[in-house]
Amino acid sequence: MIAAVLFDLDGTLLDHDGAAADAIVRSFPDADAARLVPRWLDLGEAAIERYLAGELDFTGQRRARIRALARDLGLGTWDDARADAWFDGYTALYEAAWRPYPDVVPALAALAARGLPLGVVTNGDVRQQRSKLDRLGLAERLPHLTASSEAGCAKPAVEIFHAACAGLGLEPGSVAYVGDRLITDARGAAAAGLTGVWLDRSGDPAPDHAGVVRITGLDALPGVLGDRASADRRRRRRTRSDRP
């Protein structure tokens, strides 16, 4: 039985890519947006990986991103002061563009109506991630927050999922985890013993996703979890009936 549901934050609840794209285009309005946006998103992915690996601190990964982009744009080499000042302005634009996906609130409401505890497991700085939940109006709906900066490990490590389950007072087998990344989120959760749910908003033909549940929108989540709970009950009844 699923007794609680945990979620990834960026790309699952928050439209991070949309907010980042809006902010970077506003920051460099004369640049070619078709090239600027994917380059900025790629730089963000690379810098966050280095941050999570311990190669850079939080400020360092920010500086690495804008310095690389500045070189790409022919703006020369930026020192710490210029990089930090620019990122302060970018962050304000990024935060102003924070929006939840349209299917988030209805799905959370449906799960909460079943009495399921809800929370978030996220790779990132706990203060920024908590700020996102507050600004999105989701903090009360998702009171259980586990962030890599506090847990001392990052997804897909099993330890961060186990820490989140321990915070709920539940065994991993009774918790579902939903995220937009097949490996980091869904398979990482499944490896930790949770029910891994891959939120594939692309709707493209799916690669092999054996061992996890795939949905293309959060509107499908309550039904999927309900179907799984019913299947679990049927399996338990069959097991009991087979006993001598």
C-alpha atoms as a PDB file:
ATOM      1  CA  MET A   1       0.000   0.000   0.000  1.00  0.00           C
ATOM      2  CA  ILE A   2       1.221   3.498  -0.835  1.00  0.00           C
ATOM      3  CA  ALA A   3       1.138   5.485   2.392  1.00  0.00           C
ATOM      4  CA  ALA A   4       2.928   8.659   1.238  1.00  0.00           C
ATOM      5  CA  VAL A   5       4.099  10.354  -1.955  1.00  0.00           C
ATOM      6  CA  LEU A   6       7.310  12.305  -2.455  1.00  0.00           C
ATOM      7  CA  PHE A   7       8.199  14.480  -5.437  1.00  0.00           C
ATOM      8  CA  ASP A   8      11.175  15.952  -7.214  1.00  0.00           C
ATOM      9  CA  LEU A   9      10.923  19.748  -7.404  1.00  0.00           C
ATOM     10  CA  ASP A  10      12.598  21.285 -10.483  1.00  0.00           C
ATOM     11  CA  GLY A  11      11.093  19.964 -13.699  1.00  0.00           C
ATOM     12  CA  THR A  12       8.382  18.058 -11.842  1.00  0.00           C
ATOM     13  CA  LEU A  13       6.496  20.652  -9.800  1.00  0.00           C
ATOM     14  CA  LEU A  14       8.292  23.842 -10.848  1.00  0.00           C
ATOM     15  CA  ASP A  15       8.779  24.674 -14.525  1.00  0.00           C
ATOM     16  CA  HIS A  16      12.474  25.338 -13.973  1.00  0.00           C
ATOM     17  CA  ASP A  17      13.458  25.306 -17.651  1.00  0.00           C
ATOM     18  CA  GLY A  18      10.720  27.773 -18.524  1.00  0.00           C
ATOM     19  CA  ALA A  19      11.731  30.145 -15.731  1.00  0.00           C
ATOM     20  CA  ALA A  20      15.442  29.876 -16.588  1.00  0.00           C
ATOM     21  CA  ALA A  21      14.728  30.491 -20.278  1.00  0.00           C
ATOM     22  CA  ASP A  22      12.633  33.550 -19.518  1.00  0.00           C
ATOM     23  CA  ALA A  23      15.293  34.971 -17.195  1.00  0.00           C
ATOM     24  CA  ILE A  24      18.276  34.433 -19.490  1.00  0.00           C
ATOM     25  CA  VAL A  25      16.503  35.919 -22.515  1.00  0.00           C
ATOM     26  CA  ARG A  26      15.620  38.984 -20.462  1.00  0.00           C
ATOM     27  CA  SER A  27      19.223  39.200 -19.292  1.00  0.00           C
ATOM     28  CA  PHE A  28      20.633  39.142 -22.843  1.00  0.00           C
ATOM     29  CA  PRO A  29      17.816  40.429 -25.074  1.00  0.00           C
ATOM     30  CA  ASP A  30      20.112  40.973 -28.065  1.00  0.00           C
ATOM     31  CA  ALA A  31      21.429  37.400 -28.134  1.00  0.00           C
ATOM     32  CA  ASP A  32      19.990  34.650 -30.346  1.00  0.00           C
ATOM     33  CA  ALA A  33      17.484  33.009 -28.020  1.00  0.00           C
ATOM     34  CA  ALA A  34      17.504  29.766 -30.023  1.00  0.00           C
ATOM     35  CA  ARG A  35      21.152  29.291 -29.098  1.00  0.00           C
ATOM     36  CA  LEU A  36      21.226  31.158 -25.811  1.00  0.00           C
ATOM     37  CA  VAL A  37      18.564  29.164 -23.972  1.00  0.00           C
ATOM     38  CA  PRO A  38      19.830  25.601 -24.606  1.00  0.00           C
ATOM     39  CA  ARG A  39      23.415  26.691 -23.910  1.00  0.00           C
ATOM     40  CA  TRP A  40      22.384  28.243 -20.584  1.00  0.00           C
ATOM     41  CA  LEU A  41      20.411  25.158 -19.578  1.00  0.00           C
ATOM     42  CA  ASP A  42      23.352  22.910 -20.477  1.00  0.00           C
ATOM     43  CA  LEU A  43      25.729  25.062 -18.447  1.00  0.00           C
ATOM     44  CA  GLY A  44      23.346  24.845 -15.527  1.00  0.00           C
ATOM     45  CA  GLU A  45      23.207  21.051 -15.688  1.00  0.00           C
ATOM     46  CA  ALA A  46      27.004  20.770 -15.810  1.00  0.00           C
ATOM     47  CA  ALA A  47      27.551  23.223 -12.967  1.00  0.00           C
ATOM     48  CA  ILE A  48      24.969  21.580 -10.714  1.00  0.00           C
ATOM     49  CA  GLU A  49      26.587  18.190 -11.281  1.00  0.00           C
ATOM     50  CA  ARG A  50      29.917  19.639 -10.148  1.00  0.00           C
ATOM     51  CA  TYR A  51      28.215  21.237  -7.137  1.00  0.00           C
ATOM     52  CA  LEU A  52      26.580  17.968  -6.118  1.00  0.00           C
ATOM     53  CA  ALA A  53      29.893  16.150  -6.576  1.00  0.00           C
ATOM     54  CA  GLY A  54      31.538  18.607  -4.182  1.00  0.00           C
ATOM     55  CA  GLU A  55      33.788  20.184  -6.824  1.00  0.00           C
ATOM     56  CA  LEU A  56      32.151  23.603  -6.464  1.00  0.00           C
ATOM     57  CA  ASP A  57      30.251  25.333  -3.684  1.00  0.00           C
ATOM     58  CA  PHE A  58      26.883  26.939  -4.383  1.00  0.00           C
ATOM     59  CA  THR A  59      28.355  30.333  -5.263  1.00  0.00           C
ATOM     60  CA  GLY A  60      31.100  28.707  -7.308  1.00  0.00           C
ATOM     61  CA  GLN A  61      28.703  26.841  -9.560  1.00  0.00           C
ATOM     62  CA  ARG A  62      26.869  30.095 -10.261  1.00  0.00           C
ATOM     63  CA  ARG A  63      30.101  31.848 -11.191  1.00  0.00           C
ATOM     64  CA  ALA A  64      31.148  28.967 -13.447  1.00  0.00           C
ATOM     65  CA  ARG A  65      27.906  29.193 -15.405  1.00  0.00           C
ATOM     66  CA  ILE A  66      27.935  32.893 -16.158  1.00  0.00           C
ATOM     67  CA  ARG A  67      31.683  33.033 -16.833  1.00  0.00           C
ATOM     68  CA  ALA A  68      31.347  30.314 -19.460  1.00  0.00           C
ATOM     69  CA  LEU A  69      28.364  32.056 -21.049  1.00  0.00           C
ATOM     70  CA  ALA A  70      30.119  35.429 -21.007  1.00  0.00           C
ATOM     71  CA  ARG A  71      33.026  33.903 -22.916  1.00  0.00           C
ATOM     72  CA  ASP A  72      30.614  32.384 -25.415  1.00  0.00           C
ATOM     73  CA  LEU A  73      29.021  35.785 -25.966  1.00  0.00           C
ATOM     74  CA  GLY A  74      32.371  37.510 -26.448  1.00  0.00           C
ATOM     75  CA  LEU A  75      32.074  39.461 -23.203  1.00  0.00           C
ATOM     76  CA  GLY A  76      35.517  38.599 -21.894  1.00  0.00           C
ATOM     77  CA  THR A  77      36.542  37.168 -18.538  1.00  0.00           C
ATOM     78  CA  TRP A  78      34.408  38.171 -15.564  1.00  0.00           C
ATOM     79  CA  ASP A  79      35.813  38.498 -12.048  1.00  0.00           C
ATOM     80  CA  ASP A  80      33.935  37.328  -8.949  1.00  0.00           C
ATOM     81  CA  ALA A  81      32.342  40.700  -8.260  1.00  0.00           C
ATOM     82  CA  ARG A  82      30.918  41.062 -11.770  1.00  0.00           C
ATOM     83  CA  ALA A  83      29.718  37.449 -11.887  1.00  0.00           C
ATOM     84  CA  ASP A  84      28.031  37.744  -8.489  1.00  0.00           C
ATOM     85  CA  ALA A  85      26.366  41.052  -9.334  1.00  0.00           C
ATOM     86  CA  TRP A  86      25.060  39.675 -12.617  1.00  0.00           C
ATOM     87  CA  PHE A  87      23.727  36.552 -10.939  1.00  0.00           C
ATOM     88  CA  ASP A  88      21.856  38.600  -8.345  1.00  0.00           C
ATOM     89  CA  GLY A  89      19.966  40.291 -11.177  1.00  0.00           C
ATOM     90  CA  TYR A  90      19.406  37.028 -13.010  1.00  0.00           C
ATOM     91  CA  THR A  91      18.092  35.356  -9.849  1.00  0.00           C
ATOM     92  CA  ALA A  92      15.480  38.078  -9.413  1.00  0.00           C
ATOM     93  CA  LEU A  93      14.265  37.490 -12.980  1.00  0.00           C
ATOM     94  CA  TYR A  94      14.348  33.714 -12.511  1.00  0.00           C
ATOM     95  CA  GLU A  95      12.351  33.880  -9.290  1.00  0.00           C
ATOM     96  CA  ALA A  96       9.788  36.212 -10.853  1.00  0.00           C
ATOM     97  CA  ALA A  97       9.190  33.555 -13.522  1.00  0.00           C
ATOM     98  CA  TRP A  98       8.636  30.649 -11.112  1.00  0.00           C
ATOM     99  CA  ARG A  99       5.408  28.829 -11.944  1.00  0.00           C
ATOM    100  CA  PRO A 100       4.067  25.401 -11.070  1.00  0.00           C
ATOM    101  CA  TYR A 101       2.977  23.213 -13.939  1.00  0.00           C
ATOM    102  CA  PRO A 102      -0.822  23.403 -14.393  1.00  0.00           C
ATOM    103  CA  ASP A 103      -1.345  19.800 -13.291  1.00  0.00           C
ATOM    104  CA  VAL A 104       0.470  20.175  -9.950  1.00  0.00           C
ATOM    105  CA  VAL A 105      -2.158  21.616  -7.607  1.00  0.00           C
ATOM    106  CA  PRO A 106      -5.028  19.334  -8.755  1.00  0.00           C
ATOM    107  CA  ALA A 107      -2.841  16.240  -8.325  1.00  0.00           C
ATOM    108  CA  LEU A 108      -1.636  17.285  -4.879  1.00  0.00           C
ATOM    109  CA  ALA A 109      -5.186  18.073  -3.815  1.00  0.00           C
ATOM    110  CA  ALA A 110      -6.405  14.656  -4.966  1.00  0.00           C
ATOM    111  CA  LEU A 111      -3.637  12.861  -3.068  1.00  0.00           C
ATOM    112  CA  ALA A 112      -4.120  14.962   0.055  1.00  0.00           C
ATOM    113  CA  ALA A 113      -7.836  14.123  -0.026  1.00  0.00           C
ATOM    114  CA  ARG A 114      -6.809  10.489   0.455  1.00  0.00           C
ATOM    115  CA  GLY A 115      -4.928  11.458   3.601  1.00  0.00           C
ATOM    116  CA  LEU A 116      -1.499  10.793   2.082  1.00  0.00           C
ATOM    117  CA  PRO A 117       1.466  12.711   3.512  1.00  0.00           C
ATOM    118  CA  LEU A 118       3.282  14.579   0.747  1.00  0.00           C
ATOM    119  CA  GLY A 119       6.806  15.913   0.445  1.00  0.00           C
ATOM    120  CA  VAL A 120       9.815  16.688  -1.710  1.00  0.00           C
ATOM    121  CA  VAL A 121      13.248  15.130  -2.223  1.00  0.00           C
ATOM    122  CA  THR A 122      15.478  17.504  -4.153  1.00  0.00           C
ATOM    123  CA  ASN A 123      19.082  17.992  -5.169  1.00  0.00           C
ATOM    124  CA  GLY A 124      20.033  21.523  -4.260  1.00  0.00           C
ATOM    125  CA  ASP A 125      20.416  24.158  -1.573  1.00  0.00           C
ATOM    126  CA  VAL A 126      17.716  23.738   1.046  1.00  0.00           C
ATOM    127  CA  ARG A 127      17.143  27.479   1.437  1.00  0.00           C
ATOM    128  CA  GLN A 128      16.548  28.064  -2.266  1.00  0.00           C
ATOM    129  CA  GLN A 129      14.401  24.962  -2.625  1.00  0.00           C
ATOM    130  CA  ARG A 130      12.268  25.902   0.379  1.00  0.00           C
ATOM    131  CA  SER A 131      11.927  29.400  -1.070  1.00  0.00           C
ATOM    132  CA  LYS A 132      10.625  27.882  -4.306  1.00  0.00           C
ATOM    133  CA  LEU A 133       7.935  25.947  -2.460  1.00  0.00           C
ATOM    134  CA  ASP A 134       6.938  29.080  -0.531  1.00  0.00           C
ATOM    135  CA  ARG A 135       6.750  31.228  -3.671  1.00  0.00           C
ATOM    136  CA  LEU A 136       4.768  28.582  -5.537  1.00  0.00           C
ATOM    137  CA  GLY A 137       2.279  28.344  -2.688  1.00  0.00           C
ATOM    138  CA  LEU A 138       3.096  24.663  -2.212  1.00  0.00           C
ATOM    139  CA  ALA A 139       4.905  24.669   1.139  1.00  0.00           C
ATOM    140  CA  GLU A 140       1.823  23.720   3.162  1.00  0.00           C
ATOM    141  CA  ARG A 141       0.843  21.028   0.677  1.00  0.00           C
ATOM    142  CA  LEU A 142       4.366  19.542   0.762  1.00  0.00           C
ATOM    143  CA  PRO A 143       5.596  19.918   4.339  1.00  0.00           C
ATOM    144  CA  HIS A 144       8.248  17.190   4.209  1.00  0.00           C
ATOM    145  CA  LEU A 145      11.377  18.528   2.484  1.00  0.00           C
ATOM    146  CA  THR A 146      14.622  16.575   2.108  1.00  0.00           C
ATOM    147  CA  ALA A 147      17.392  18.460   0.274  1.00  0.00           C
ATOM    148  CA  SER A 148      20.811  17.165  -0.696  1.00  0.00           C
ATOM    149  CA  SER A 149      22.545  20.119   0.979  1.00  0.00           C
ATOM    150  CA  GLU A 150      21.276  18.886   4.357  1.00  0.00           C
ATOM    151  CA  ALA A 151      21.187  15.142   3.691  1.00  0.00           C
ATOM    152  CA  GLY A 152      24.855  15.019   2.712  1.00  0.00           C
ATOM    153  CA  CYS A 153      24.102  12.978  -0.404  1.00  0.00           C
ATOM    154  CA  ALA A 154      22.235  13.510  -3.656  1.00  0.00           C
ATOM    155  CA  LYS A 155      19.874  11.561  -5.877  1.00  0.00           C
ATOM    156  CA  PRO A 156      20.171   8.888  -7.150  1.00  0.00           C
ATOM    157  CA  ALA A 157      21.946   7.732  -3.951  1.00  0.00           C
ATOM    158  CA  VAL A 158      19.652   5.433  -1.987  1.00  0.00           C
ATOM    159  CA  GLU A 159      20.584   7.223   1.237  1.00  0.00           C
ATOM    160  CA  ILE A 160      18.691  10.413   0.408  1.00  0.00           C
ATOM    161  CA  PHE A 161      15.513   8.467  -0.358  1.00  0.00           C
ATOM    162  CA  HIS A 162      15.896   6.466   2.847  1.00  0.00           C
ATOM    163  CA  ALA A 163      16.415   9.676   4.820  1.00  0.00           C
ATOM    164  CA  ALA A 164      13.168  11.072   3.410  1.00  0.00           C
ATOM    165  CA  CYS A 165      11.277   7.894   4.290  1.00  0.00           C
ATOM    166  CA  ALA A 166      12.735   7.912   7.799  1.00  0.00           C
ATOM    167  CA  GLY A 167      11.512  11.491   8.172  1.00  0.00           C
ATOM    168  CA  LEU A 168       8.015  10.260   7.349  1.00  0.00           C
ATOM    169  CA  GLY A 169       8.351   7.309   9.729  1.00  0.00           C
ATOM    170  CA  LEU A 170       7.630   4.910   6.863  1.00  0.00           C
ATOM    171  CA  GLU A 171       9.379   2.011   5.190  1.00  0.00           C
ATOM    172  CA  PRO A 172      10.518   2.701   1.592  1.00  0.00           C
ATOM    173  CA  GLY A 173       8.154   0.058   0.234  1.00  0.00           C
ATOM    174  CA  SER A 174       5.151   2.113   1.295  1.00  0.00           C
ATOM    175  CA  VAL A 175       6.310   5.355  -0.343  1.00  0.00           C
ATOM    176  CA  ALA A 176       6.058   6.487  -3.980  1.00  0.00           C
ATOM    177  CA  TYR A 177       8.482   8.949  -5.521  1.00  0.00           C
ATOM    178  CA  VAL A 178       7.714  11.004  -8.635  1.00  0.00           C
ATOM    179  CA  GLY A 179      10.303  12.779 -10.767  1.00  0.00           C
ATOM    180  CA  ASP A 180      10.999  13.890 -14.314  1.00  0.00           C
ATOM    181  CA  ARG A 181      14.335  12.076 -14.695  1.00  0.00           C
ATOM    182  CA  LEU A 182      14.273   8.374 -15.441  1.00  0.00           C
ATOM    183  CA  ILE A 183      17.671   7.520 -13.932  1.00  0.00           C
ATOM    184  CA  THR A 184      18.108  10.096 -11.179  1.00  0.00           C
ATOM    185  CA  ASP A 185      14.525  10.091  -9.962  1.00  0.00           C
ATOM    186  CA  ALA A 186      12.453   7.057 -10.890  1.00  0.00           C
ATOM    187  CA  ARG A 187      15.149   4.389 -11.031  1.00  0.00           C
ATOM    188  CA  GLY A 188      17.017   5.937  -8.118  1.00  0.00           C
ATOM    189  CA  ALA A 189      13.872   5.707  -6.008  1.00  0.00           C
ATOM    190  CA  ALA A 190      13.146   2.165  -7.172  1.00  0.00           C
ATOM    191  CA  ALA A 191      16.684   1.085  -6.260  1.00  0.00           C
ATOM    192  CA  ALA A 192      16.035   2.435  -2.765  1.00  0.00           C
ATOM    193  CA  GLY A 193      12.879   0.320  -2.466  1.00  0.00           C
ATOM    194  CA  LEU A 194      10.295   2.995  -3.216  1.00  0.00           C
ATOM    195  CA  THR A 195       7.748   2.907  -6.008  1.00  0.00           C
ATOM    196  CA  GLY A 196       9.516   4.913  -8.709  1.00  0.00           C
ATOM    197  CA  VAL A 197       7.284   6.999 -10.954  1.00  0.00           C
ATOM    198  CA  TRP A 198       8.798   8.640 -14.025  1.00  0.00           C
ATOM    199  CA  LEU A 199       7.017  11.827 -15.091  1.00  0.00           C
ATOM    200  CA  ASP A 200       7.778  12.008 -18.808  1.00  0.00           C
ATOM    201  CA  ARG A 201       6.055  15.192 -19.910  1.00  0.00           C
ATOM    202  CA  SER A 202       7.520  14.910 -23.411  1.00  0.00           C
ATOM    203  CA  GLY A 203       5.032  12.233 -24.428  1.00  0.00           C
ATOM    204  CA  ASP A 204       7.657  10.923 -26.861  1.00  0.00           C
ATOM    205  CA  PRO A 205       8.032   7.191 -27.470  1.00  0.00           C
ATOM    206  CA  ALA A 206       9.461   5.956 -24.202  1.00  0.00           C
ATOM    207  CA  PRO A 207      12.839   4.280 -23.782  1.00  0.00           C
ATOM    208  CA  ASP A 208      13.044   1.160 -21.671  1.00  0.00           C
ATOM    209  CA  HIS A 209      11.592   2.030 -18.278  1.00  0.00           C
ATOM    210  CA  ALA A 210      11.292  -1.421 -16.758  1.00  0.00           C
ATOM    211  CA  GLY A 211      10.945  -1.368 -12.996  1.00  0.00           C
ATOM    212  CA  VAL A 212       9.255   2.015 -12.776  1.00  0.00           C
ATOM    213  CA  VAL A 213       5.855   3.475 -13.557  1.00  0.00           C
ATOM    214  CA  ARG A 214       5.679   5.998 -16.427  1.00  0.00           C
ATOM    215  CA  ILE A 215       3.141   8.809 -16.613  1.00  0.00           C
ATOM    216  CA  THR A 216       2.988  11.755 -19.003  1.00  0.00           C
ATOM    217  CA  GLY A 217       1.225  14.143 -16.628  1.00  0.00           C
ATOM    218  CA  LEU A 218       0.521  14.433 -12.914  1.00  0.00           C
ATOM    219  CA  ASP A 219      -3.192  14.203 -13.603  1.00  0.00           C
ATOM    220  CA  ALA A 220      -2.623  10.469 -14.086  1.00  0.00           C
ATOM    221  CA  LEU A 221      -0.836   9.985 -10.769  1.00  0.00           C
ATOM    222  CA  PRO A 222      -3.797   9.480  -8.396  1.00  0.00           C
ATOM    223  CA  GLY A 223      -5.252   6.823 -10.683  1.00  0.00           C
ATOM    224  CA  VAL A 224      -1.931   5.059 -11.153  1.00  0.00           C
ATOM    225  CA  LEU A 225      -1.303   4.895  -7.411  1.00  0.00           C
ATOM    226  CA  GLY A 226      -4.860   3.732  -6.843  1.00  0.00           C
ATOM    227  CA  ASP A 227      -4.437   0.987  -9.429  1.00  0.00           C
ATOM    228  CA  ARG A 228      -1.178  -0.080  -7.826  1.00  0.00           C
ATOM    229  CA  ALA A 229      -2.737  -0.185  -4.352  1.00  0.00           C
ATOM    230  CA  SER A 230      -5.581  -2.337  -5.669  1.00  0.00           C
ATOM    231  CA  ALA A 231      -3.104  -4.696  -7.322  1.00  0.00           C
ATOM    232  CA  ASP A 232      -1.136  -4.953  -4.073  1.00  0.00           C
ATOM    233  CA  ARG A 233      -4.295  -5.844  -2.162  1.00  0.00           C
ATOM    234  CA  ARG A 234      -5.154  -8.537  -4.697  1.00  0.00           C
ATOM    235  CA  ARG A 235      -1.655 -10.012  -4.427  1.00  0.00           C
ATOM    236  CA  ARG A 236      -1.881 -10.120  -0.641  1.00  0.00           C
ATOM    237  CA  ARG A 237      -5.270 -11.824  -0.775  1.00  0.00           C
ATOM    238  CA  ARG A 238      -3.900 -14.448  -3.187  1.00  0.00           C
ATOM    239  CA  THR A 239      -0.884 -14.988  -0.945  1.00  0.00           C
ATOM    240  CA  ARG A 240      -3.081 -15.522   2.108  1.00  0.00           C
ATOM    241  CA  SER A 241      -5.348 -17.903   0.231  1.00  0.00           C
ATOM    242  CA  ASP A 242      -2.340 -20.003  -0.814  1.00  0.00           C
ATOM    243  CA  ARG A 243      -1.243 -20.582   2.758  1.00  0.00           C
ATOM    244  CA  PRO A 244      -2.000 -24.009   4.248  1.00  0.00           C
END
